[in-house]
Amino acid sequence: MPGRSPLARLTGERDRHGLVLPRGERVLAWARATDGAVVAGSRDALHARSADGRTLRLPWEQVEAADWDQDTGVLRVSEVGAWGSARPEHTWTFEETGRLLELVRERVTASVLFQRHVTVAGRRGLRVIARRAPSGATGVQWVYEYDEGVDPDDPAVRETAAAALAQAREQLGEL
């Protein structure tokens, strides 16, 4: 049907908030934004449906950061991205969040298995991060996050990153 998400066509399942969820997922916490959007969290992902019907499903391991500004009531969620590219960002304003913020914090934290900052020059460096779906349903995803001013194409940075990744994998028993 036109206007329905591919997921809705596949599962045909909508929950009571109008969100389309994959089979087996259920809303654990939700809140309505001031613009009418519904934002909810399941065990596996952050879900949103805008007032005009657009939907978002963002797996927790793909959430780079979730920042709450209590003064303005704004929740800002940025996605994991590629170095040098703008990271997709989503914002919602709430008057009441219920348990949504607590769930977002818990689920994003649960997706991070390992994180270590490695110095390259002075205080600048990179982070080696291992992430996985909190359910354990997917394999470990390794990513680097570079401090401002660190060039990932620099051979010394690449060497440092590779050594840090090898050490991290060994620590997690993932050789």
Protein backbone atom coordinates (compact mmCIF):
# COMPACT_ATOMS: atom_id res chain seq x y z
CA MET A 1 0.00 0.00 0.00
CA PRO A 2 1.33 3.48 -0.71
CA GLY A 3 2.30 5.47 2.37
CA ARG A 4 3.00 2.46 4.56
CA SER A 5 6.52 1.57 5.58
CA PRO A 6 8.15 -1.56 4.13
CA LEU A 7 8.04 -3.06 7.61
CA ALA A 8 4.29 -2.51 7.87
CA ARG A 9 3.83 -4.31 4.56
CA LEU A 10 5.93 -7.22 5.84
CA THR A 11 4.40 -7.63 9.28
CA GLY A 12 1.22 -5.62 9.22
CA GLU A 13 1.65 -5.17 12.98
CA ARG A 14 0.97 -1.81 14.56
CA ASP A 15 1.01 -1.31 18.28
CA ARG A 16 -1.44 0.87 20.20
CA HIS A 17 0.75 3.95 19.59
CA GLY A 18 0.60 3.55 15.82
CA LEU A 19 4.19 2.29 15.65
CA VAL A 20 5.15 -0.54 13.34
CA LEU A 21 7.25 -3.07 15.22
CA PRO A 22 8.94 -6.24 13.99
CA ARG A 23 7.49 -9.47 15.28
CA GLY A 24 8.55 -10.14 18.86
CA GLU A 25 9.27 -6.50 19.72
CA ARG A 26 7.08 -4.58 22.11
CA VAL A 27 7.15 -1.06 23.49
CA LEU A 28 8.77 -0.85 26.93
CA ALA A 29 8.48 2.94 27.36
CA TRP A 30 7.11 5.78 25.26
CA ALA A 31 6.31 9.47 25.26
CA ARG A 32 4.45 11.87 23.01
CA ALA A 33 6.48 14.84 21.76
CA THR A 34 4.99 18.33 21.71
CA ASP A 35 4.62 18.12 17.90
CA GLY A 36 2.52 14.94 18.20
CA ALA A 37 5.30 12.47 17.36
CA VAL A 38 5.38 9.23 19.32
CA VAL A 39 8.83 8.12 20.48
CA ALA A 40 9.22 4.70 22.04
CA GLY A 41 11.82 2.16 23.00
CA SER A 42 11.74 -1.60 22.70
CA ARG A 43 14.38 -4.09 23.81
CA ASP A 44 16.07 -3.77 20.43
CA ALA A 45 15.52 -0.26 19.06
CA LEU A 46 14.31 3.30 19.36
CA HIS A 47 11.11 3.81 17.37
CA ALA A 48 9.43 7.03 16.33
CA ARG A 49 6.39 8.01 14.31
CA SER A 50 6.07 11.65 13.36
CA ALA A 51 2.72 13.42 13.32
CA ASP A 52 2.70 13.09 9.51
CA GLY A 53 3.25 9.31 9.70
CA ARG A 54 6.98 9.04 8.90
CA THR A 55 8.63 6.26 10.89
CA LEU A 56 12.08 5.60 12.30
CA ARG A 57 13.56 2.41 13.72
CA LEU A 58 17.05 2.91 15.09
CA PRO A 59 18.74 -0.12 16.68
CA TRP A 60 20.35 0.78 20.01
CA GLU A 61 23.83 -0.19 18.81
CA GLN A 62 23.46 2.44 16.07
CA VAL A 63 22.82 5.25 18.58
CA GLU A 64 26.06 7.18 18.97
CA ALA A 65 24.70 9.55 21.60
CA ALA A 66 21.44 10.51 23.26
CA ASP A 67 21.46 13.87 25.02
CA TRP A 68 18.69 15.26 27.19
CA ASP A 69 18.36 19.00 27.86
CA GLN A 70 16.13 19.29 30.89
CA ASP A 71 15.76 23.06 30.55
CA THR A 72 14.32 22.89 27.03
CA GLY A 73 12.81 19.39 27.17
CA VAL A 74 14.75 18.37 24.05
CA LEU A 75 16.00 14.83 23.43
CA ARG A 76 18.70 14.75 20.74
CA VAL A 77 19.71 11.36 19.33
CA SER A 78 22.63 11.05 16.93
CA GLU A 79 23.40 7.96 14.91
CA VAL A 80 26.73 6.18 14.54
CA GLY A 81 28.30 7.54 11.39
CA ALA A 82 31.36 7.50 9.18
CA TRP A 83 34.33 9.74 9.88
CA GLY A 84 34.10 13.00 7.97
CA SER A 85 30.39 12.63 7.27
CA ALA A 86 27.56 14.39 9.04
CA ARG A 87 25.85 12.07 11.49
CA PRO A 88 22.10 11.77 11.19
CA GLU A 89 20.45 13.46 14.15
CA HIS A 90 16.91 13.32 15.46
CA THR A 91 15.36 15.73 17.97
CA TRP A 92 12.10 15.75 19.87
CA THR A 93 10.71 18.14 22.47
CA PHE A 94 8.74 16.72 25.38
CA GLU A 95 6.74 18.08 28.27
CA GLU A 96 6.66 14.65 29.93
CA THR A 97 8.95 11.71 29.13
CA GLY A 98 7.75 9.05 31.54
CA ARG A 99 10.29 6.21 31.61
CA LEU A 100 11.54 6.86 28.07
CA LEU A 101 14.77 8.65 29.08
CA GLU A 102 15.67 5.93 31.57
CA LEU A 103 15.11 3.26 28.93
CA VAL A 104 17.16 5.13 26.30
CA ARG A 105 20.09 5.47 28.70
CA GLU A 106 19.92 1.82 29.78
CA ARG A 107 19.61 0.39 26.25
CA VAL A 108 22.37 2.54 24.71
CA THR A 109 24.69 1.68 27.62
CA ALA A 110 23.85 -2.02 27.23
CA SER A 111 24.95 -1.91 23.59
CA VAL A 112 28.51 -0.80 24.46
CA LEU A 113 30.70 -3.81 25.27
CA PHE A 114 34.05 -2.06 25.27
CA GLN A 115 35.39 1.48 24.98
CA ARG A 116 38.93 2.73 25.35
CA HIS A 117 40.61 6.03 24.50
CA VAL A 118 44.07 5.69 22.97
CA THR A 119 46.35 8.72 22.78
CA VAL A 120 47.96 9.59 19.45
CA ALA A 121 49.49 13.03 20.13
CA GLY A 122 49.17 15.08 23.31
CA ARG A 123 45.65 14.54 24.60
CA ARG A 124 44.23 13.81 21.16
CA GLY A 125 43.56 10.31 20.05
CA LEU A 126 40.85 7.88 19.18
CA ARG A 127 38.37 5.59 20.86
CA VAL A 128 38.07 1.94 20.08
CA ILE A 129 34.46 0.91 20.68
CA ALA A 130 32.77 -2.48 20.52
CA ARG A 131 28.98 -2.46 20.21
CA ARG A 132 26.35 -5.14 19.91
CA ALA A 133 22.59 -5.28 20.05
CA PRO A 134 21.60 -5.52 23.74
CA SER A 135 19.72 -8.73 22.89
CA GLY A 136 22.99 -10.28 21.67
CA ALA A 137 21.25 -11.09 18.37
CA THR A 138 24.01 -9.55 16.23
CA GLY A 139 27.77 -9.86 16.14
CA VAL A 140 30.15 -7.35 17.67
CA GLN A 141 30.65 -4.17 15.62
CA TRP A 142 33.99 -2.43 16.11
CA VAL A 143 34.24 1.29 15.42
CA TYR A 144 36.76 4.07 15.89
CA GLU A 145 35.84 7.54 17.04
CA TYR A 146 38.51 10.16 16.32
CA ASP A 147 39.12 13.25 18.42
CA GLU A 148 38.99 16.52 16.54
CA GLY A 149 42.28 17.17 14.75
CA VAL A 150 43.21 13.49 14.42
CA ASP A 151 43.57 12.35 10.80
CA PRO A 152 42.55 8.70 10.35
CA ASP A 153 44.52 8.57 7.08
CA ASP A 154 47.80 9.37 8.86
CA PRO A 155 49.93 6.17 8.86
CA ALA A 156 50.87 6.64 12.54
CA VAL A 157 47.19 6.97 13.49
CA ARG A 158 46.30 3.89 11.45
CA GLU A 159 49.05 1.90 13.15
CA THR A 160 47.92 3.03 16.60
CA ALA A 161 44.29 2.22 15.76
CA ALA A 162 45.14 -1.27 14.46
CA ALA A 163 47.21 -2.07 17.56
CA ALA A 164 44.48 -0.80 19.88
CA LEU A 165 41.85 -2.85 18.04
CA ALA A 166 43.97 -6.02 18.22
CA GLN A 167 44.47 -5.49 21.96
CA ALA A 168 40.77 -4.84 22.52
CA ARG A 169 39.75 -7.96 20.60
CA GLU A 170 42.19 -10.02 22.61
CA GLN A 171 40.75 -8.61 25.85
CA LEU A 172 37.25 -9.56 24.78
CA GLY A 173 38.40 -12.97 23.60
CA GLU A 174 37.51 -12.20 20.00
CA LEU A 175 40.60 -13.08 17.98
